[in-house]
Amino acid sequence: MTMLRQFRLTVAGALDDERADVLFDRAGDLCVEVVPADGLAWVAFDRVAPTLVDAVVSGVRDLDAAGVGIAAAVADDPLVTLEVIAARAGRPVDVVRGWTGGGFPAPVRDHPRRPVYHWPDVSAWLDRHRAVPAAGDPAVTLEAVTLALRLRALAPRLERMPPIRSLLYP
């Protein structure tokens, strides 16, 4: 099932306006946010894909094409509305609204028109109730992508990469 996948790729180094423009031209589903306090930048993606790993790899490819170095893959904001839950679950909003009784996680901020939920709680509920097809653990997927990115960054400084690559598939 194709669903909305939301994630962030942390940028290694500065992200200038020219590279940000290349990203916008290449992928219309992203926004660039810069956190000036740490000098940290990330690119947030809302990507429709069959799996999270497919979405993240396509995001990595977009940043690669723009010449942007990537430090890590991280989860997106854990606070979500019913509309975001519906998009992530690949279900109509009315169906998701129907789930909100009987054990569905309570909103972290109750609002008559736009209650806000904690995604990890909602995701666990969806898994328990098989409301969406079973998926791998998003944290594990993001960690694996981050490790692959770290290995890719180290590869030019390694004596030989093939023996290390062989460790992935013993």
N, C-alpha and C. Protein backbone atom coordinates (compact mmCIF):
# COMPACT_ATOMS: atom_id res chain seq x y z
N MET A 1 0.84 -1.17 0.00
CA MET A 1 0.00 0.00 0.00
C MET A 1 0.89 1.24 0.00
N THR A 2 0.62 2.15 -0.89
CA THR A 2 1.38 3.40 -0.95
C THR A 2 0.80 4.37 0.06
N MET A 3 1.67 4.92 0.91
CA MET A 3 1.24 5.84 1.97
C MET A 3 2.20 7.03 2.01
N LEU A 4 1.78 8.06 2.73
CA LEU A 4 2.62 9.23 2.92
C LEU A 4 3.72 8.88 3.93
N ARG A 5 4.95 9.13 3.55
CA ARG A 5 6.09 8.89 4.42
C ARG A 5 6.71 10.24 4.72
N GLN A 6 6.89 10.54 5.99
CA GLN A 6 7.47 11.82 6.37
C GLN A 6 8.75 11.56 7.15
N PHE A 7 9.80 12.27 6.78
CA PHE A 7 11.10 12.08 7.40
C PHE A 7 11.95 13.31 7.12
N ARG A 8 13.09 13.37 7.76
CA ARG A 8 14.04 14.46 7.54
C ARG A 8 15.42 13.89 7.27
N LEU A 9 16.14 14.56 6.41
CA LEU A 9 17.54 14.23 6.19
C LEU A 9 18.35 15.41 6.69
N THR A 10 19.22 15.14 7.66
CA THR A 10 20.07 16.18 8.23
C THR A 10 21.22 16.43 7.27
N VAL A 11 21.46 17.70 6.98
CA VAL A 11 22.47 18.09 6.01
C VAL A 11 23.84 18.18 6.68
N ALA A 12 24.84 17.64 5.99
CA ALA A 12 26.22 17.73 6.47
C ALA A 12 26.82 19.02 5.90
N GLY A 13 27.05 20.00 6.76
CA GLY A 13 27.61 21.27 6.31
C GLY A 13 26.51 22.28 5.99
N ALA A 14 26.92 23.36 5.38
CA ALA A 14 26.00 24.45 5.09
C ALA A 14 25.11 24.11 3.90
N LEU A 15 23.92 24.67 3.92
CA LEU A 15 22.99 24.51 2.81
C LEU A 15 22.72 25.90 2.26
N ASP A 16 23.36 26.20 1.12
CA ASP A 16 23.21 27.55 0.56
C ASP A 16 21.96 27.64 -0.31
N ASP A 17 21.60 28.87 -0.67
CA ASP A 17 20.39 29.12 -1.46
C ASP A 17 20.42 28.42 -2.81
N GLU A 18 21.59 28.37 -3.44
CA GLU A 18 21.71 27.75 -4.76
C GLU A 18 21.35 26.27 -4.71
N ARG A 19 21.90 25.57 -3.72
CA ARG A 19 21.60 24.14 -3.59
C ARG A 19 20.14 23.92 -3.18
N ALA A 20 19.62 24.79 -2.33
CA ALA A 20 18.21 24.68 -1.96
C ALA A 20 17.32 24.85 -3.19
N ASP A 21 17.68 25.76 -4.09
CA ASP A 21 16.90 25.95 -5.32
C ASP A 21 16.92 24.70 -6.19
N VAL A 22 18.09 24.05 -6.28
CA VAL A 22 18.19 22.81 -7.06
C VAL A 22 17.27 21.75 -6.45
N LEU A 23 17.24 21.68 -5.12
CA LEU A 23 16.37 20.72 -4.45
C LEU A 23 14.91 20.99 -4.78
N PHE A 24 14.50 22.25 -4.69
CA PHE A 24 13.11 22.60 -4.98
C PHE A 24 12.74 22.27 -6.42
N ASP A 25 13.67 22.48 -7.34
CA ASP A 25 13.41 22.16 -8.74
C ASP A 25 13.25 20.65 -8.95
N ARG A 26 14.01 19.88 -8.18
CA ARG A 26 14.03 18.42 -8.35
C ARG A 26 12.85 17.73 -7.66
N ALA A 27 12.52 18.18 -6.45
CA ALA A 27 11.50 17.47 -5.66
C ALA A 27 10.55 18.49 -5.05
N GLY A 28 9.35 18.52 -5.56
CA GLY A 28 8.38 19.50 -5.10
C GLY A 28 7.77 19.21 -3.75
N ASP A 29 8.10 18.07 -3.12
CA ASP A 29 7.45 17.71 -1.87
C ASP A 29 8.28 18.03 -0.64
N LEU A 30 9.30 18.85 -0.78
CA LEU A 30 10.15 19.08 0.38
C LEU A 30 10.19 20.55 0.76
N CYS A 31 10.62 20.77 1.96
CA CYS A 31 10.87 22.14 2.40
C CYS A 31 12.20 22.12 3.14
N VAL A 32 12.90 23.21 3.08
CA VAL A 32 14.20 23.30 3.73
C VAL A 32 14.04 24.16 4.97
N GLU A 33 14.48 23.63 6.08
CA GLU A 33 14.42 24.37 7.32
C GLU A 33 15.84 24.49 7.86
N VAL A 34 16.19 25.65 8.34
CA VAL A 34 17.51 25.87 8.92
C VAL A 34 17.31 26.28 10.37
N VAL A 35 18.01 25.61 11.27
CA VAL A 35 17.96 25.96 12.69
C VAL A 35 19.23 26.75 12.99
N PRO A 36 19.11 28.08 13.06
CA PRO A 36 20.31 28.91 13.19
C PRO A 36 21.09 28.71 14.48
N ALA A 37 20.44 28.30 15.57
CA ALA A 37 21.13 28.18 16.85
C ALA A 37 22.31 27.22 16.78
N ASP A 38 22.14 26.09 16.09
CA ASP A 38 23.22 25.10 16.01
C ASP A 38 23.92 25.15 14.67
N GLY A 39 23.43 25.92 13.74
CA GLY A 39 23.96 25.87 12.40
C GLY A 39 23.56 24.58 11.71
N LEU A 40 22.54 23.92 12.23
CA LEU A 40 22.08 22.64 11.71
C LEU A 40 21.01 22.90 10.65
N ALA A 41 21.08 22.16 9.59
CA ALA A 41 20.04 22.26 8.56
C ALA A 41 19.50 20.88 8.26
N TRP A 42 18.25 20.83 7.90
CA TRP A 42 17.67 19.57 7.47
C TRP A 42 16.68 19.84 6.37
N VAL A 43 16.37 18.77 5.64
CA VAL A 43 15.38 18.84 4.59
C VAL A 43 14.25 17.90 5.02
N ALA A 44 13.05 18.45 5.10
CA ALA A 44 11.89 17.66 5.51
C ALA A 44 11.16 17.19 4.26
N PHE A 45 10.80 15.92 4.22
CA PHE A 45 10.12 15.32 3.08
C PHE A 45 8.74 14.83 3.47
N ASP A 46 7.78 15.03 2.60
CA ASP A 46 6.46 14.38 2.63
C ASP A 46 6.39 13.61 1.32
N ARG A 47 6.67 12.33 1.37
CA ARG A 47 6.83 11.55 0.15
C ARG A 47 5.88 10.37 0.14
N VAL A 48 5.15 10.20 -0.94
CA VAL A 48 4.28 9.04 -1.10
C VAL A 48 5.13 7.90 -1.65
N ALA A 49 5.13 6.77 -0.94
CA ALA A 49 5.96 5.63 -1.34
C ALA A 49 5.40 4.37 -0.70
N PRO A 50 5.73 3.20 -1.27
CA PRO A 50 5.23 1.95 -0.70
C PRO A 50 5.83 1.64 0.68
N THR A 51 7.08 2.07 0.91
CA THR A 51 7.72 1.83 2.20
C THR A 51 8.53 3.06 2.59
N LEU A 52 8.86 3.13 3.88
CA LEU A 52 9.69 4.25 4.35
C LEU A 52 11.07 4.21 3.71
N VAL A 53 11.65 3.03 3.59
CA VAL A 53 12.99 2.95 3.01
C VAL A 53 13.00 3.44 1.56
N ASP A 54 11.95 3.12 0.79
CA ASP A 54 11.87 3.62 -0.59
C ASP A 54 11.82 5.14 -0.60
N ALA A 55 11.04 5.72 0.32
CA ALA A 55 10.92 7.17 0.39
C ALA A 55 12.25 7.82 0.78
N VAL A 56 12.92 7.26 1.80
CA VAL A 56 14.17 7.85 2.27
C VAL A 56 15.26 7.75 1.21
N VAL A 57 15.36 6.60 0.57
CA VAL A 57 16.39 6.44 -0.48
C VAL A 57 16.13 7.42 -1.62
N SER A 58 14.87 7.64 -1.99
CA SER A 58 14.60 8.62 -3.05
C SER A 58 14.97 10.03 -2.60
N GLY A 59 14.77 10.33 -1.31
CA GLY A 59 15.19 11.63 -0.78
C GLY A 59 16.70 11.79 -0.80
N VAL A 60 17.41 10.72 -0.45
CA VAL A 60 18.88 10.75 -0.52
C VAL A 60 19.33 11.02 -1.95
N ARG A 61 18.70 10.35 -2.91
CA ARG A 61 19.05 10.56 -4.32
C ARG A 61 18.82 12.01 -4.75
N ASP A 62 17.72 12.62 -4.27
CA ASP A 62 17.45 14.02 -4.60
C ASP A 62 18.53 14.94 -4.04
N LEU A 63 18.95 14.70 -2.80
CA LEU A 63 19.99 15.54 -2.21
C LEU A 63 21.34 15.29 -2.89
N ASP A 64 21.61 14.03 -3.22
CA ASP A 64 22.85 13.73 -3.96
C ASP A 64 22.89 14.51 -5.27
N ALA A 65 21.78 14.51 -6.01
CA ALA A 65 21.73 15.20 -7.30
C ALA A 65 21.94 16.70 -7.15
N ALA A 66 21.57 17.25 -5.99
CA ALA A 66 21.75 18.68 -5.74
C ALA A 66 23.13 18.99 -5.15
N GLY A 67 23.93 17.95 -4.94
CA GLY A 67 25.26 18.16 -4.39
C GLY A 67 25.27 18.47 -2.91
N VAL A 68 24.26 18.01 -2.20
CA VAL A 68 24.13 18.27 -0.76
C VAL A 68 24.58 17.03 0.00
N GLY A 69 25.53 17.19 0.92
CA GLY A 69 25.97 16.09 1.76
C GLY A 69 24.93 15.81 2.83
N ILE A 70 24.79 14.55 3.20
CA ILE A 70 23.76 14.15 4.16
C ILE A 70 24.44 13.48 5.35
N ALA A 71 24.07 13.91 6.55
CA ALA A 71 24.65 13.34 7.76
C ALA A 71 23.81 12.23 8.36
N ALA A 72 22.49 12.38 8.31
CA ALA A 72 21.63 11.39 8.99
C ALA A 72 20.21 11.45 8.47
N ALA A 73 19.49 10.35 8.67
CA ALA A 73 18.05 10.29 8.41
C ALA A 73 17.36 10.25 9.77
N VAL A 74 16.37 11.10 9.95
CA VAL A 74 15.68 11.18 11.24
C VAL A 74 14.17 11.22 11.03
N ALA A 75 13.44 10.91 12.09
CA ALA A 75 11.98 10.93 12.02
C ALA A 75 11.48 12.37 11.93
N ASP A 76 10.31 12.52 11.35
CA ASP A 76 9.68 13.82 11.28
C ASP A 76 9.00 14.13 12.60
N ASP A 77 8.38 15.28 12.67
CA ASP A 77 7.69 15.75 13.86
C ASP A 77 6.71 14.68 14.36
N PRO A 78 6.76 14.33 15.65
CA PRO A 78 5.87 13.29 16.15
C PRO A 78 4.43 13.77 16.43
N LEU A 79 4.17 15.07 16.32
CA LEU A 79 2.83 15.57 16.56
C LEU A 79 2.08 15.66 15.24
N VAL A 80 0.90 15.00 15.18
CA VAL A 80 0.16 14.89 13.93
C VAL A 80 -1.32 15.18 14.13
N THR A 81 -1.95 15.63 13.07
CA THR A 81 -3.39 15.84 13.06
C THR A 81 -4.07 14.61 12.46
N LEU A 82 -5.40 14.58 12.50
CA LEU A 82 -6.13 13.47 11.88
C LEU A 82 -5.83 13.39 10.38
N GLU A 83 -5.67 14.55 9.75
CA GLU A 83 -5.37 14.57 8.31
C GLU A 83 -4.02 13.92 8.01
N VAL A 84 -3.04 14.20 8.86
CA VAL A 84 -1.72 13.60 8.66
C VAL A 84 -1.78 12.10 8.95
N ILE A 85 -2.50 11.72 10.00
CA ILE A 85 -2.65 10.29 10.30
C ILE A 85 -3.28 9.58 9.10
N ALA A 86 -4.33 10.19 8.53
CA ALA A 86 -5.00 9.59 7.37
C ALA A 86 -4.03 9.44 6.21
N ALA A 87 -3.23 10.47 5.95
CA ALA A 87 -2.27 10.41 4.84
C ALA A 87 -1.22 9.34 5.09
N ARG A 88 -0.72 9.26 6.32
CA ARG A 88 0.29 8.25 6.63
C ARG A 88 -0.28 6.84 6.59
N ALA A 89 -1.55 6.69 6.97
CA ALA A 89 -2.17 5.37 6.98
C ALA A 89 -2.77 4.99 5.64
N GLY A 90 -2.85 5.96 4.72
CA GLY A 90 -3.43 5.67 3.42
C GLY A 90 -4.93 5.42 3.50
N ARG A 91 -5.60 6.10 4.40
CA ARG A 91 -7.04 5.96 4.61
C ARG A 91 -7.72 7.33 4.53
N PRO A 92 -9.02 7.35 4.22
CA PRO A 92 -9.74 8.63 4.23
C PRO A 92 -9.83 9.19 5.66
N VAL A 93 -9.89 10.50 5.77
CA VAL A 93 -9.97 11.16 7.08
C VAL A 93 -11.20 10.68 7.85
N ASP A 94 -12.31 10.46 7.16
CA ASP A 94 -13.53 10.01 7.85
C ASP A 94 -13.33 8.65 8.51
N VAL A 95 -12.57 7.78 7.88
CA VAL A 95 -12.28 6.46 8.47
C VAL A 95 -11.44 6.65 9.74
N VAL A 96 -10.41 7.48 9.64
CA VAL A 96 -9.54 7.72 10.80
C VAL A 96 -10.34 8.38 11.93
N ARG A 97 -11.20 9.31 11.59
CA ARG A 97 -12.04 9.96 12.61
C ARG A 97 -12.89 8.91 13.34
N GLY A 98 -13.33 7.90 12.63
CA GLY A 98 -14.11 6.82 13.24
C GLY A 98 -13.31 5.98 14.21
N TRP A 99 -12.00 5.96 14.08
CA TRP A 99 -11.15 5.19 14.99
C TRP A 99 -10.99 5.86 16.35
N THR A 100 -11.28 7.16 16.43
CA THR A 100 -10.91 7.93 17.62
C THR A 100 -11.66 7.57 18.89
N GLY A 101 -12.62 6.70 18.81
CA GLY A 101 -13.24 6.20 20.04
C GLY A 101 -12.62 4.87 20.40
N GLY A 102 -12.96 4.34 21.54
CA GLY A 102 -12.60 2.98 21.90
C GLY A 102 -11.14 2.62 21.86
N GLY A 103 -10.34 3.26 22.68
CA GLY A 103 -8.95 2.86 22.82
C GLY A 103 -7.95 3.57 21.93
N PHE A 104 -8.41 4.35 20.95
CA PHE A 104 -7.48 5.12 20.13
C PHE A 104 -6.77 6.11 21.04
N PRO A 105 -5.49 6.37 20.81
CA PRO A 105 -4.77 7.29 21.70
C PRO A 105 -5.46 8.66 21.80
N ALA A 106 -5.47 9.18 23.01
CA ALA A 106 -6.07 10.49 23.23
C ALA A 106 -5.18 11.57 22.61
N PRO A 107 -5.79 12.65 22.18
CA PRO A 107 -4.97 13.76 21.65
C PRO A 107 -4.07 14.33 22.75
N VAL A 108 -2.88 14.77 22.35
CA VAL A 108 -1.99 15.44 23.31
C VAL A 108 -2.42 16.90 23.47
N ARG A 109 -3.14 17.39 22.48
CA ARG A 109 -3.73 18.72 22.57
C ARG A 109 -5.12 18.62 21.96
N ASP A 110 -6.10 18.72 22.83
CA ASP A 110 -7.48 18.59 22.36
C ASP A 110 -7.95 19.93 21.80
N HIS A 111 -8.55 19.86 20.66
CA HIS A 111 -9.06 21.05 19.97
C HIS A 111 -10.30 20.60 19.22
N PRO A 112 -11.37 21.40 19.24
CA PRO A 112 -12.61 20.94 18.60
C PRO A 112 -12.49 20.64 17.11
N ARG A 113 -11.65 21.35 16.40
CA ARG A 113 -11.53 21.12 14.96
C ARG A 113 -10.24 20.40 14.56
N ARG A 114 -9.16 20.60 15.30
CA ARG A 114 -7.87 20.02 14.90
C ARG A 114 -7.12 19.46 16.10
N PRO A 115 -7.59 18.33 16.65
CA PRO A 115 -6.83 17.72 17.74
C PRO A 115 -5.47 17.25 17.23
N VAL A 116 -4.50 17.24 18.12
CA VAL A 116 -3.13 16.84 17.77
C VAL A 116 -2.78 15.58 18.56
N TYR A 117 -2.23 14.60 17.85
CA TYR A 117 -1.90 13.30 18.43
C TYR A 117 -0.39 13.07 18.40
N HIS A 118 0.07 12.14 19.24
CA HIS A 118 1.48 11.74 19.27
C HIS A 118 1.63 10.55 18.34
N TRP A 119 2.37 10.75 17.22
CA TRP A 119 2.46 9.72 16.19
C TRP A 119 2.95 8.36 16.70
N PRO A 120 4.00 8.27 17.54
CA PRO A 120 4.41 6.93 18.00
C PRO A 120 3.27 6.17 18.68
N ASP A 121 2.42 6.86 19.45
CA ASP A 121 1.28 6.19 20.09
C ASP A 121 0.27 5.74 19.04
N VAL A 122 -0.02 6.61 18.07
CA VAL A 122 -0.97 6.27 17.01
C VAL A 122 -0.44 5.10 16.18
N SER A 123 0.84 5.16 15.83
CA SER A 123 1.45 4.10 15.03
C SER A 123 1.36 2.75 15.74
N ALA A 124 1.62 2.75 17.05
CA ALA A 124 1.52 1.50 17.82
C ALA A 124 0.08 1.00 17.82
N TRP A 125 -0.89 1.91 17.94
CA TRP A 125 -2.31 1.52 17.89
C TRP A 125 -2.65 0.92 16.53
N LEU A 126 -2.18 1.56 15.46
CA LEU A 126 -2.44 1.05 14.10
C LEU A 126 -1.87 -0.36 13.94
N ASP A 127 -0.66 -0.57 14.47
CA ASP A 127 -0.05 -1.91 14.39
C ASP A 127 -0.88 -2.94 15.17
N ARG A 128 -1.28 -2.59 16.40
CA ARG A 128 -2.05 -3.52 17.23
C ARG A 128 -3.39 -3.87 16.60
N HIS A 129 -4.00 -2.92 15.94
CA HIS A 129 -5.33 -3.13 15.35
C HIS A 129 -5.27 -3.48 13.87
N ARG A 130 -4.05 -3.67 13.37
CA ARG A 130 -3.85 -4.04 11.96
C ARG A 130 -4.65 -3.14 11.02
N ALA A 131 -4.66 -1.85 11.38
CA ALA A 131 -5.40 -0.86 10.58
C ALA A 131 -4.65 -0.50 9.29
N VAL A 132 -3.37 -0.79 9.28
CA VAL A 132 -2.56 -0.60 8.07
C VAL A 132 -1.66 -1.83 7.95
N PRO A 133 -1.15 -2.11 6.75
CA PRO A 133 -0.26 -3.26 6.62
C PRO A 133 0.95 -3.12 7.54
N ALA A 134 1.40 -4.24 8.07
CA ALA A 134 2.56 -4.24 8.96
C ALA A 134 3.77 -3.65 8.24
N ALA A 135 4.49 -2.86 8.97
CA ALA A 135 5.69 -2.22 8.41
C ALA A 135 6.84 -2.47 9.37
N GLY A 136 8.03 -2.29 8.87
CA GLY A 136 9.19 -2.40 9.73
C GLY A 136 9.23 -1.24 10.71
N ASP A 137 10.11 -1.33 11.66
CA ASP A 137 10.27 -0.29 12.66
C ASP A 137 10.91 0.93 12.01
N PRO A 138 10.22 2.09 12.00
CA PRO A 138 10.79 3.28 11.35
C PRO A 138 12.14 3.69 11.93
N ALA A 139 12.31 3.54 13.24
CA ALA A 139 13.59 3.91 13.86
C ALA A 139 14.72 3.06 13.32
N VAL A 140 14.46 1.77 13.10
CA VAL A 140 15.48 0.86 12.56
C VAL A 140 15.81 1.25 11.12
N THR A 141 14.77 1.55 10.34
CA THR A 141 14.99 1.98 8.95
C THR A 141 15.85 3.23 8.90
N LEU A 142 15.52 4.23 9.70
CA LEU A 142 16.26 5.49 9.69
C LEU A 142 17.69 5.30 10.19
N GLU A 143 17.88 4.43 11.18
CA GLU A 143 19.23 4.14 11.67
C GLU A 143 20.06 3.44 10.59
N ALA A 144 19.44 2.49 9.87
CA ALA A 144 20.16 1.77 8.81
C ALA A 144 20.58 2.73 7.70
N VAL A 145 19.70 3.63 7.31
CA VAL A 145 20.06 4.62 6.28
C VAL A 145 21.19 5.50 6.78
N THR A 146 21.11 5.94 8.04
CA THR A 146 22.17 6.78 8.61
C THR A 146 23.50 6.05 8.62
N LEU A 147 23.50 4.77 8.98
CA LEU A 147 24.74 3.98 8.96
C LEU A 147 25.29 3.85 7.55
N ALA A 148 24.41 3.63 6.59
CA ALA A 148 24.85 3.54 5.19
C ALA A 148 25.47 4.87 4.74
N LEU A 149 24.88 5.98 5.15
CA LEU A 149 25.42 7.30 4.80
C LEU A 149 26.79 7.52 5.45
N ARG A 150 26.94 7.08 6.69
CA ARG A 150 28.24 7.22 7.37
C ARG A 150 29.29 6.37 6.67
N LEU A 151 28.93 5.15 6.30
CA LEU A 151 29.86 4.27 5.60
C LEU A 151 30.24 4.87 4.25
N ARG A 152 29.26 5.41 3.55
CA ARG A 152 29.53 6.05 2.26
C ARG A 152 30.51 7.21 2.42
N ALA A 153 30.38 7.97 3.51
CA ALA A 153 31.29 9.10 3.75
C ALA A 153 32.70 8.62 4.07
N LEU A 154 32.81 7.47 4.72
CA LEU A 154 34.13 6.93 5.07
C LEU A 154 34.81 6.22 3.91
N ALA A 155 34.05 5.73 2.96
CA ALA A 155 34.58 4.90 1.87
C ALA A 155 35.80 5.48 1.17
N PRO A 156 35.84 6.77 0.84
CA PRO A 156 37.02 7.29 0.14
C PRO A 156 38.32 7.21 0.97
N ARG A 157 38.19 7.10 2.28
CA ARG A 157 39.38 7.07 3.13
C ARG A 157 39.78 5.65 3.53
N LEU A 158 39.01 4.67 3.06
CA LEU A 158 39.32 3.28 3.37
C LEU A 158 40.35 2.71 2.40
N GLU A 159 41.13 1.78 2.89
CA GLU A 159 42.11 1.12 2.04
C GLU A 159 41.42 0.32 0.94
N ARG A 160 40.40 -0.45 1.34
CA ARG A 160 39.63 -1.25 0.37
C ARG A 160 38.19 -1.37 0.87
N MET A 161 37.25 -1.07 0.02
CA MET A 161 35.85 -1.13 0.39
C MET A 161 35.21 -2.52 0.20
N PRO A 162 35.59 -3.29 -0.84
CA PRO A 162 34.90 -4.58 -1.07
C PRO A 162 34.88 -5.52 0.14
N PRO A 163 35.96 -5.67 0.91
CA PRO A 163 35.85 -6.56 2.07
C PRO A 163 34.82 -6.07 3.09
N ILE A 164 34.74 -4.77 3.24
CA ILE A 164 33.75 -4.23 4.18
C ILE A 164 32.34 -4.43 3.64
N ARG A 165 32.17 -4.21 2.36
CA ARG A 165 30.85 -4.45 1.73
C ARG A 165 30.43 -5.90 1.91
N SER A 166 31.40 -6.83 1.87
CA SER A 166 31.07 -8.26 2.03
C SER A 166 30.53 -8.58 3.41
N LEU A 167 30.78 -7.72 4.39
CA LEU A 167 30.26 -7.94 5.74
C LEU A 167 28.74 -7.78 5.80
N LEU A 168 28.19 -7.05 4.85
CA LEU A 168 26.74 -6.84 4.85
C LEU A 168 25.99 -8.11 4.50
N TYR A 169 26.57 -8.94 3.67
CA TYR A 169 25.93 -10.18 3.21
C TYR A 169 26.89 -11.34 3.38
N PRO A 170 27.04 -11.83 4.63
CA PRO A 170 28.01 -12.91 4.87
C PRO A 170 27.61 -14.22 4.23
